[in-house]
Amino acid sequence: MVTSIILMNVERLKINDVAEQLEATPGISEVYSVSGNYDLIAVVRVATNNDLATLVTEKMHSIDAILKTETMLAFKAYSRHDLESMFSIGM
């Protein structure tokens, strides 16, 4: 499983709309509105790097209100939750 965190700058009046579109996108497990330099953060969990590339360059690219993104690839999870097993059963 590939996990990625995507930081986004979004048109100010469309933050809620973009968050809802992202939340409905397969592969995006969580979307947060945040304070600071970014407007939204999405947590992506997909099977392969190709799936991540498709999500970022095709699906997210089609959302005009997203002005800028910064994609970070996660190497290792440090968590008390067994994320791999949670997502493998569809949770």
PDB file of N, CA and C in Angstrom:
ATOM      1  N   MET A   1       0.841  -1.180   0.000  1.00  0.00           N
ATOM      2  CA  MET A   1       0.000   0.000   0.000  1.00  0.00           C
ATOM      3  C   MET A   1       0.885   1.243   0.000  1.00  0.00           C
ATOM      4  N   VAL A   2       0.517   2.208  -0.808  1.00  0.00           N
ATOM      5  CA  VAL A   2       1.222   3.480  -0.889  1.00  0.00           C
ATOM      6  C   VAL A   2       0.399   4.520  -0.134  1.00  0.00           C
ATOM      7  N   THR A   3       1.039   5.195   0.798  1.00  0.00           N
ATOM      8  CA  THR A   3       0.386   6.272   1.545  1.00  0.00           C
ATOM      9  C   THR A   3       1.056   7.578   1.193  1.00  0.00           C
ATOM     10  N   SER A   4       0.233   8.580   0.959  1.00  0.00           N
ATOM     11  CA  SER A   4       0.736   9.894   0.586  1.00  0.00           C
ATOM     12  C   SER A   4      -0.084  10.955   1.304  1.00  0.00           C
ATOM     13  N   ILE A   5       0.550  12.072   1.599  1.00  0.00           N
ATOM     14  CA  ILE A   5      -0.117  13.233   2.186  1.00  0.00           C
ATOM     15  C   ILE A   5      -0.007  14.345   1.159  1.00  0.00           C
ATOM     16  N   ILE A   6      -1.149  14.920   0.799  1.00  0.00           N
ATOM     17  CA  ILE A   6      -1.160  15.970  -0.210  1.00  0.00           C
ATOM     18  C   ILE A   6      -1.637  17.272   0.424  1.00  0.00           C
ATOM     19  N   LEU A   7      -0.774  18.284   0.381  1.00  0.00           N
ATOM     20  CA  LEU A   7      -1.085  19.610   0.916  1.00  0.00           C
ATOM     21  C   LEU A   7      -1.593  20.464  -0.235  1.00  0.00           C
ATOM     22  N   MET A   8      -2.668  21.222  -0.002  1.00  0.00           N
ATOM     23  CA  MET A   8      -3.282  21.971  -1.098  1.00  0.00           C
ATOM     24  C   MET A   8      -3.615  23.408  -0.744  1.00  0.00           C
ATOM     25  N   ASN A   9      -3.381  24.279  -1.723  1.00  0.00           N
ATOM     26  CA  ASN A   9      -3.917  25.628  -1.699  1.00  0.00           C
ATOM     27  C   ASN A   9      -5.120  25.621  -2.632  1.00  0.00           C
ATOM     28  N   VAL A  10      -6.226  26.170  -2.149  1.00  0.00           N
ATOM     29  CA  VAL A  10      -7.497  26.097  -2.858  1.00  0.00           C
ATOM     30  C   VAL A  10      -8.118  27.491  -2.893  1.00  0.00           C
ATOM     31  N   GLU A  11      -8.882  27.773  -3.947  1.00  0.00           N
ATOM     32  CA  GLU A  11      -9.621  29.036  -3.989  1.00  0.00           C
ATOM     33  C   GLU A  11     -10.450  29.157  -2.717  1.00  0.00           C
ATOM     34  N   ARG A  12     -10.318  30.286  -2.051  1.00  0.00           N
ATOM     35  CA  ARG A  12     -10.879  30.491  -0.719  1.00  0.00           C
ATOM     36  C   ARG A  12     -12.379  30.151  -0.625  1.00  0.00           C
ATOM     37  N   LEU A  13     -13.162  30.563  -1.593  1.00  0.00           N
ATOM     38  CA  LEU A  13     -14.610  30.343  -1.526  1.00  0.00           C
ATOM     39  C   LEU A  13     -15.029  28.932  -1.919  1.00  0.00           C
ATOM     40  N   LYS A  14     -14.089  28.110  -2.328  1.00  0.00           N
ATOM     41  CA  LYS A  14     -14.435  26.769  -2.801  1.00  0.00           C
ATOM     42  C   LYS A  14     -13.820  25.660  -1.951  1.00  0.00           C
ATOM     43  N   ILE A  15     -13.292  26.005  -0.795  1.00  0.00           N
ATOM     44  CA  ILE A  15     -12.632  25.006   0.061  1.00  0.00           C
ATOM     45  C   ILE A  15     -13.580  23.864   0.416  1.00  0.00           C
ATOM     46  N   ASN A  16     -14.801  24.176   0.854  1.00  0.00           N
ATOM     47  CA  ASN A  16     -15.737  23.118   1.247  1.00  0.00           C
ATOM     48  C   ASN A  16     -16.116  22.242   0.060  1.00  0.00           C
ATOM     49  N   ASP A  17     -16.369  22.857  -1.092  1.00  0.00           N
ATOM     50  CA  ASP A  17     -16.725  22.087  -2.291  1.00  0.00           C
ATOM     51  C   ASP A  17     -15.596  21.141  -2.699  1.00  0.00           C
ATOM     52  N   VAL A  18     -14.376  21.653  -2.679  1.00  0.00           N
ATOM     53  CA  VAL A  18     -13.224  20.826  -3.061  1.00  0.00           C
ATOM     54  C   VAL A  18     -13.045  19.692  -2.054  1.00  0.00           C
ATOM     55  N   ALA A  19     -13.188  19.981  -0.776  1.00  0.00           N
ATOM     56  CA  ALA A  19     -13.048  18.944   0.254  1.00  0.00           C
ATOM     57  C   ALA A  19     -14.065  17.821   0.023  1.00  0.00           C
ATOM     58  N   GLU A  20     -15.289  18.177  -0.319  1.00  0.00           N
ATOM     59  CA  GLU A  20     -16.316  17.172  -0.563  1.00  0.00           C
ATOM     60  C   GLU A  20     -16.016  16.351  -1.817  1.00  0.00           C
ATOM     61  N   GLN A  21     -15.518  17.001  -2.864  1.00  0.00           N
ATOM     62  CA  GLN A  21     -15.138  16.265  -4.082  1.00  0.00           C
ATOM     63  C   GLN A  21     -13.999  15.296  -3.794  1.00  0.00           C
ATOM     64  N   LEU A  22     -13.014  15.758  -3.032  1.00  0.00           N
ATOM     65  CA  LEU A  22     -11.867  14.904  -2.710  1.00  0.00           C
ATOM     66  C   LEU A  22     -12.295  13.726  -1.847  1.00  0.00           C
ATOM     67  N   GLU A  23     -13.145  13.976  -0.874  1.00  0.00           N
ATOM     68  CA  GLU A  23     -13.590  12.934   0.043  1.00  0.00           C
ATOM     69  C   GLU A  23     -14.314  11.825  -0.711  1.00  0.00           C
ATOM     70  N   ALA A  24     -14.973  12.170  -1.800  1.00  0.00           N
ATOM     71  CA  ALA A  24     -15.709  11.188  -2.599  1.00  0.00           C
ATOM     72  C   ALA A  24     -14.820  10.465  -3.615  1.00  0.00           C
ATOM     73  N   THR A  25     -13.553  10.826  -3.683  1.00  0.00           N
ATOM     74  CA  THR A  25     -12.631  10.250  -4.656  1.00  0.00           C
ATOM     75  C   THR A  25     -12.023   8.951  -4.123  1.00  0.00           C
ATOM     76  N   PRO A  26     -12.161   7.853  -4.853  1.00  0.00           N
ATOM     77  CA  PRO A  26     -11.530   6.599  -4.418  1.00  0.00           C
ATOM     78  C   PRO A  26     -10.020   6.775  -4.250  1.00  0.00           C
ATOM     79  N   GLY A  27      -9.506   6.260  -3.140  1.00  0.00           N
ATOM     80  CA  GLY A  27      -8.080   6.377  -2.842  1.00  0.00           C
ATOM     81  C   GLY A  27      -7.794   7.451  -1.811  1.00  0.00           C
ATOM     82  N   ILE A  28      -8.675   8.417  -1.685  1.00  0.00           N
ATOM     83  CA  ILE A  28      -8.492   9.457  -0.668  1.00  0.00           C
ATOM     84  C   ILE A  28      -9.266   9.027   0.564  1.00  0.00           C
ATOM     85  N   SER A  29      -8.536   8.755   1.641  1.00  0.00           N
ATOM     86  CA  SER A  29      -9.178   8.221   2.837  1.00  0.00           C
ATOM     87  C   SER A  29      -9.621   9.300   3.810  1.00  0.00           C
ATOM     88  N   GLU A  30      -8.948  10.448   3.797  1.00  0.00           N
ATOM     89  CA  GLU A  30      -9.298  11.523   4.722  1.00  0.00           C
ATOM     90  C   GLU A  30      -8.976  12.864   4.083  1.00  0.00           C
ATOM     91  N   VAL A  31      -9.782  13.875   4.401  1.00  0.00           N
ATOM     92  CA  VAL A  31      -9.521  15.245   3.973  1.00  0.00           C
ATOM     93  C   VAL A  31      -9.718  16.139   5.187  1.00  0.00           C
ATOM     94  N   TYR A  32      -8.754  17.025   5.430  1.00  0.00           N
ATOM     95  CA  TYR A  32      -8.814  17.945   6.559  1.00  0.00           C
ATOM     96  C   TYR A  32      -8.712  19.379   6.067  1.00  0.00           C
ATOM     97  N   SER A  33      -9.534  20.267   6.606  1.00  0.00           N
ATOM     98  CA  SER A  33      -9.293  21.692   6.427  1.00  0.00           C
ATOM     99  C   SER A  33      -8.372  22.087   7.574  1.00  0.00           C
ATOM    100  N   VAL A  34      -7.370  22.902   7.272  1.00  0.00           N
ATOM    101  CA  VAL A  34      -6.341  23.201   8.264  1.00  0.00           C
ATOM    102  C   VAL A  34      -6.001  24.689   8.265  1.00  0.00           C
ATOM    103  N   SER A  35      -5.337  25.103   9.323  1.00  0.00           N
ATOM    104  CA  SER A  35      -4.822  26.464   9.385  1.00  0.00           C
ATOM    105  C   SER A  35      -3.378  26.458   8.902  1.00  0.00           C
ATOM    106  N   GLY A  36      -2.851  27.622   8.627  1.00  0.00           N
ATOM    107  CA  GLY A  36      -1.456  27.706   8.210  1.00  0.00           C
ATOM    108  C   GLY A  36      -1.313  28.005   6.739  1.00  0.00           C
ATOM    109  N   ASN A  37      -0.240  27.509   6.142  1.00  0.00           N
ATOM    110  CA  ASN A  37       0.093  27.818   4.754  1.00  0.00           C
ATOM    111  C   ASN A  37      -0.776  27.082   3.728  1.00  0.00           C
ATOM    112  N   TYR A  38      -1.512  26.085   4.143  1.00  0.00           N
ATOM    113  CA  TYR A  38      -2.334  25.300   3.233  1.00  0.00           C
ATOM    114  C   TYR A  38      -3.788  25.371   3.667  1.00  0.00           C
ATOM    115  N   ASP A  39      -4.681  25.061   2.743  1.00  0.00           N
ATOM    116  CA  ASP A  39      -6.115  25.090   3.033  1.00  0.00           C
ATOM    117  C   ASP A  39      -6.674  23.708   3.337  1.00  0.00           C
ATOM    118  N   LEU A  40      -6.207  22.708   2.593  1.00  0.00           N
ATOM    119  CA  LEU A  40      -6.670  21.338   2.767  1.00  0.00           C
ATOM    120  C   LEU A  40      -5.492  20.380   2.772  1.00  0.00           C
ATOM    121  N   ILE A  41      -5.671  19.280   3.497  1.00  0.00           N
ATOM    122  CA  ILE A  41      -4.712  18.181   3.470  1.00  0.00           C
ATOM    123  C   ILE A  41      -5.505  16.907   3.202  1.00  0.00           C
ATOM    124  N   ALA A  42      -5.036  16.124   2.238  1.00  0.00           N
ATOM    125  CA  ALA A  42      -5.665  14.838   1.937  1.00  0.00           C
ATOM    126  C   ALA A  42      -4.689  13.716   2.260  1.00  0.00           C
ATOM    127  N   VAL A  43      -5.208  12.666   2.865  1.00  0.00           N
ATOM    128  CA  VAL A  43      -4.428  11.458   3.103  1.00  0.00           C
ATOM    129  C   VAL A  43      -4.877  10.444   2.056  1.00  0.00           C
ATOM    130  N   VAL A  44      -3.916   9.968   1.283  1.00  0.00           N
ATOM    131  CA  VAL A  44      -4.194   9.053   0.183  1.00  0.00           C
ATOM    132  C   VAL A  44      -3.618   7.685   0.516  1.00  0.00           C
ATOM    133  N   ARG A  45      -4.420   6.650   0.287  1.00  0.00           N
ATOM    134  CA  ARG A  45      -3.951   5.272   0.447  1.00  0.00           C
ATOM    135  C   ARG A  45      -4.393   4.504  -0.791  1.00  0.00           C
ATOM    136  N   VAL A  46      -3.418   4.136  -1.600  1.00  0.00           N
ATOM    137  CA  VAL A  46      -3.683   3.416  -2.856  1.00  0.00           C
ATOM    138  C   VAL A  46      -2.751   2.212  -2.954  1.00  0.00           C
ATOM    139  N   ALA A  47      -3.034   1.346  -3.906  1.00  0.00           N
ATOM    140  CA  ALA A  47      -2.262   0.106  -4.028  1.00  0.00           C
ATOM    141  C   ALA A  47      -0.870   0.314  -4.603  1.00  0.00           C
ATOM    142  N   THR A  48      -0.740   1.202  -5.594  1.00  0.00           N
ATOM    143  CA  THR A  48       0.542   1.329  -6.292  1.00  0.00           C
ATOM    144  C   THR A  48       0.904   2.793  -6.533  1.00  0.00           C
ATOM    145  N   ASN A  49       2.154   3.017  -6.892  1.00  0.00           N
ATOM    146  CA  ASN A  49       2.592   4.363  -7.268  1.00  0.00           C
ATOM    147  C   ASN A  49       1.851   4.852  -8.516  1.00  0.00           C
ATOM    148  N   ASN A  50       1.546   3.942  -9.432  1.00  0.00           N
ATOM    149  CA  ASN A  50       0.779   4.321 -10.620  1.00  0.00           C
ATOM    150  C   ASN A  50      -0.617   4.816 -10.252  1.00  0.00           C
ATOM    151  N   ASP A  51      -1.225   4.186  -9.255  1.00  0.00           N
ATOM    152  CA  ASP A  51      -2.538   4.644  -8.779  1.00  0.00           C
ATOM    153  C   ASP A  51      -2.438   6.051  -8.195  1.00  0.00           C
ATOM    154  N   LEU A  52      -1.358   6.314  -7.472  1.00  0.00           N
ATOM    155  CA  LEU A  52      -1.134   7.651  -6.923  1.00  0.00           C
ATOM    156  C   LEU A  52      -0.947   8.657  -8.045  1.00  0.00           C
ATOM    157  N   ALA A  53      -0.161   8.305  -9.038  1.00  0.00           N
ATOM    158  CA  ALA A  53       0.070   9.207 -10.165  1.00  0.00           C
ATOM    159  C   ALA A  53      -1.235   9.528 -10.888  1.00  0.00           C
ATOM    160  N   THR A  54      -2.068   8.534 -11.101  1.00  0.00           N
ATOM    161  CA  THR A  54      -3.357   8.762 -11.753  1.00  0.00           C
ATOM    162  C   THR A  54      -4.242   9.670 -10.918  1.00  0.00           C
ATOM    163  N   LEU A  55      -4.278   9.423  -9.622  1.00  0.00           N
ATOM    164  CA  LEU A  55      -5.100  10.242  -8.739  1.00  0.00           C
ATOM    165  C   LEU A  55      -4.665  11.710  -8.781  1.00  0.00           C
ATOM    166  N   VAL A  56      -3.356  11.954  -8.696  1.00  0.00           N
ATOM    167  CA  VAL A  56      -2.851  13.329  -8.636  1.00  0.00           C
ATOM    168  C   VAL A  56      -2.914  14.020  -9.993  1.00  0.00           C
ATOM    169  N   THR A  57      -2.494  13.338 -11.045  1.00  0.00           N
ATOM    170  CA  THR A  57      -2.357  14.015 -12.341  1.00  0.00           C
ATOM    171  C   THR A  57      -3.625  14.003 -13.184  1.00  0.00           C
ATOM    172  N   GLU A  58      -4.567  13.128 -12.857  1.00  0.00           N
ATOM    173  CA  GLU A  58      -5.806  13.089 -13.631  1.00  0.00           C
ATOM    174  C   GLU A  58      -7.011  13.509 -12.795  1.00  0.00           C
ATOM    175  N   LYS A  59      -7.267  12.810 -11.706  1.00  0.00           N
ATOM    176  CA  LYS A  59      -8.474  13.089 -10.924  1.00  0.00           C
ATOM    177  C   LYS A  59      -8.400  14.442 -10.215  1.00  0.00           C
ATOM    178  N   MET A  60      -7.303  14.696  -9.493  1.00  0.00           N
ATOM    179  CA  MET A  60      -7.193  15.967  -8.777  1.00  0.00           C
ATOM    180  C   MET A  60      -6.952  17.131  -9.735  1.00  0.00           C
ATOM    181  N   HIS A  61      -6.251  16.869 -10.812  1.00  0.00           N
ATOM    182  CA  HIS A  61      -5.953  17.916 -11.788  1.00  0.00           C
ATOM    183  C   HIS A  61      -7.224  18.470 -12.428  1.00  0.00           C
ATOM    184  N   SER A  62      -8.274  17.680 -12.446  1.00  0.00           N
ATOM    185  CA  SER A  62      -9.531  18.113 -13.053  1.00  0.00           C
ATOM    186  C   SER A  62     -10.346  19.038 -12.143  1.00  0.00           C
ATOM    187  N   ILE A  63      -9.923  19.216 -10.897  1.00  0.00           N
ATOM    188  CA  ILE A  63     -10.621  20.117  -9.970  1.00  0.00           C
ATOM    189  C   ILE A  63      -9.978  21.499 -10.092  1.00  0.00           C
ATOM    190  N   ASP A  64     -10.642  22.402 -10.814  1.00  0.00           N
ATOM    191  CA  ASP A  64     -10.078  23.711 -11.144  1.00  0.00           C
ATOM    192  C   ASP A  64      -9.739  24.574  -9.927  1.00  0.00           C
ATOM    193  N   ALA A  65     -10.471  24.442  -8.846  1.00  0.00           N
ATOM    194  CA  ALA A  65     -10.273  25.306  -7.678  1.00  0.00           C
ATOM    195  C   ALA A  65      -9.013  24.970  -6.883  1.00  0.00           C
ATOM    196  N   ILE A  66      -8.367  23.838  -7.185  1.00  0.00           N
ATOM    197  CA  ILE A  66      -7.096  23.517  -6.541  1.00  0.00           C
ATOM    198  C   ILE A  66      -6.018  24.320  -7.258  1.00  0.00           C
ATOM    199  N   LEU A  67      -5.377  25.215  -6.524  1.00  0.00           N
ATOM    200  CA  LEU A  67      -4.397  26.122  -7.112  1.00  0.00           C
ATOM    201  C   LEU A  67      -2.988  25.554  -7.106  1.00  0.00           C
ATOM    202  N   LYS A  68      -2.640  24.831  -6.037  1.00  0.00           N
ATOM    203  CA  LYS A  68      -1.270  24.316  -5.884  1.00  0.00           C
ATOM    204  C   LYS A  68      -1.320  23.111  -4.957  1.00  0.00           C
ATOM    205  N   THR A  69      -0.465  22.123  -5.238  1.00  0.00           N
ATOM    206  CA  THR A  69      -0.364  20.959  -4.351  1.00  0.00           C
ATOM    207  C   THR A  69       1.095  20.671  -4.031  1.00  0.00           C
ATOM    208  N   GLU A  70       1.293  20.028  -2.925  1.00  0.00           N
ATOM    209  CA  GLU A  70       2.600  19.478  -2.555  1.00  0.00           C
ATOM    210  C   GLU A  70       2.335  18.066  -2.061  1.00  0.00           C
ATOM    211  N   THR A  71       2.898  17.088  -2.740  1.00  0.00           N
ATOM    212  CA  THR A  71       2.646  15.685  -2.438  1.00  0.00           C
ATOM    213  C   THR A  71       3.842  15.094  -1.720  1.00  0.00           C
ATOM    214  N   MET A  72       3.567  14.488  -0.574  1.00  0.00           N
ATOM    215  CA  MET A  72       4.618  13.839   0.211  1.00  0.00           C
ATOM    216  C   MET A  72       4.320  12.352   0.291  1.00  0.00           C
ATOM    217  N   LEU A  73       5.310  11.546   0.010  1.00  0.00           N
ATOM    218  CA  LEU A  73       5.183  10.095   0.052  1.00  0.00           C
ATOM    219  C   LEU A  73       5.615   9.603   1.424  1.00  0.00           C
ATOM    220  N   ALA A  74       4.774   8.805   2.052  1.00  0.00           N
ATOM    221  CA  ALA A  74       5.099   8.266   3.374  1.00  0.00           C
ATOM    222  C   ALA A  74       5.974   7.022   3.217  1.00  0.00           C
ATOM    223  N   PHE A  75       7.040   6.950   4.002  1.00  0.00           N
ATOM    224  CA  PHE A  75       7.929   5.792   3.973  1.00  0.00           C
ATOM    225  C   PHE A  75       7.522   4.734   4.986  1.00  0.00           C
ATOM    226  N   LYS A  76       7.223   5.166   6.207  1.00  0.00           N
ATOM    227  CA  LYS A  76       6.934   4.225   7.275  1.00  0.00           C
ATOM    228  C   LYS A  76       5.915   4.855   8.214  1.00  0.00           C
ATOM    229  N   ALA A  77       4.971   4.032   8.693  1.00  0.00           N
ATOM    230  CA  ALA A  77       3.955   4.508   9.623  1.00  0.00           C
ATOM    231  C   ALA A  77       4.377   4.175  11.049  1.00  0.00           C
ATOM    232  N   TYR A  78       4.248   5.155  11.899  1.00  0.00           N
ATOM    233  CA  TYR A  78       4.468   4.967  13.330  1.00  0.00           C
ATOM    234  C   TYR A  78       3.117   5.203  13.991  1.00  0.00           C
ATOM    235  N   SER A  79       2.412   4.113  14.275  1.00  0.00           N
ATOM    236  CA  SER A  79       1.050   4.238  14.764  1.00  0.00           C
ATOM    237  C   SER A  79       0.707   3.052  15.646  1.00  0.00           C
ATOM    238  N   ARG A  80      -0.201   3.289  16.582  1.00  0.00           N
ATOM    239  CA  ARG A  80      -0.702   2.196  17.401  1.00  0.00           C
ATOM    240  C   ARG A  80      -1.761   1.396  16.657  1.00  0.00           C
ATOM    241  N   HIS A  81      -2.277   1.960  15.572  1.00  0.00           N
ATOM    242  CA  HIS A  81      -3.303   1.300  14.774  1.00  0.00           C
ATOM    243  C   HIS A  81      -2.644   0.467  13.687  1.00  0.00           C
ATOM    244  N   ASP A  82      -3.205  -0.672  13.419  1.00  0.00           N
ATOM    245  CA  ASP A  82      -2.710  -1.505  12.326  1.00  0.00           C
ATOM    246  C   ASP A  82      -3.416  -1.051  11.056  1.00  0.00           C
ATOM    247  N   LEU A  83      -2.894   0.017  10.441  1.00  0.00           N
ATOM    248  CA  LEU A  83      -3.539   0.634   9.296  1.00  0.00           C
ATOM    249  C   LEU A  83      -3.675  -0.323   8.120  1.00  0.00           C
ATOM    250  N   GLU A  84      -2.663  -1.125   7.880  1.00  0.00           N
ATOM    251  CA  GLU A  84      -2.692  -2.042   6.732  1.00  0.00           C
ATOM    252  C   GLU A  84      -3.885  -2.990   6.838  1.00  0.00           C
ATOM    253  N   SER A  85      -4.113  -3.577   8.007  1.00  0.00           N
ATOM    254  CA  SER A  85      -5.212  -4.517   8.132  1.00  0.00           C
ATOM    255  C   SER A  85      -6.562  -3.794   8.115  1.00  0.00           C
ATOM    256  N   MET A  86      -6.634  -2.564   8.635  1.00  0.00           N
ATOM    257  CA  MET A  86      -7.884  -1.812   8.599  1.00  0.00           C
ATOM    258  C   MET A  86      -8.314  -1.558   7.156  1.00  0.00           C
ATOM    259  N   PHE A  87      -7.382  -1.151   6.313  1.00  0.00           N
ATOM    260  CA  PHE A  87      -7.736  -0.813   4.944  1.00  0.00           C
ATOM    261  C   PHE A  87      -7.872  -2.035   4.060  1.00  0.00           C
ATOM    262  N   SER A  88      -7.307  -3.156   4.447  1.00  0.00           N
ATOM    263  CA  SER A  88      -7.431  -4.345   3.622  1.00  0.00           C
ATOM    264  C   SER A  88      -8.813  -4.982   3.770  1.00  0.00           C
ATOM    265  N   ILE A  89      -9.537  -4.668   4.847  1.00  0.00           N
ATOM    266  CA  ILE A  89     -10.897  -5.209   5.007  1.00  0.00           C
ATOM    267  C   ILE A  89     -11.954  -4.170   4.655  1.00  0.00           C
ATOM    268  N   GLY A  90     -11.533  -3.035   4.143  1.00  0.00           N
ATOM    269  CA  GLY A  90     -12.490  -2.036   3.671  1.00  0.00           C
ATOM    270  C   GLY A  90     -12.978  -1.080   4.723  1.00  0.00           C
ATOM    271  N   MET A  91     -12.326  -0.985   5.839  1.00  0.00           N
ATOM    272  CA  MET A  91     -12.736  -0.079   6.892  1.00  0.00           C
ATOM    273  C   MET A  91     -12.464   1.341   6.546  1.00  0.00           C
TER     274      MET A  91
END
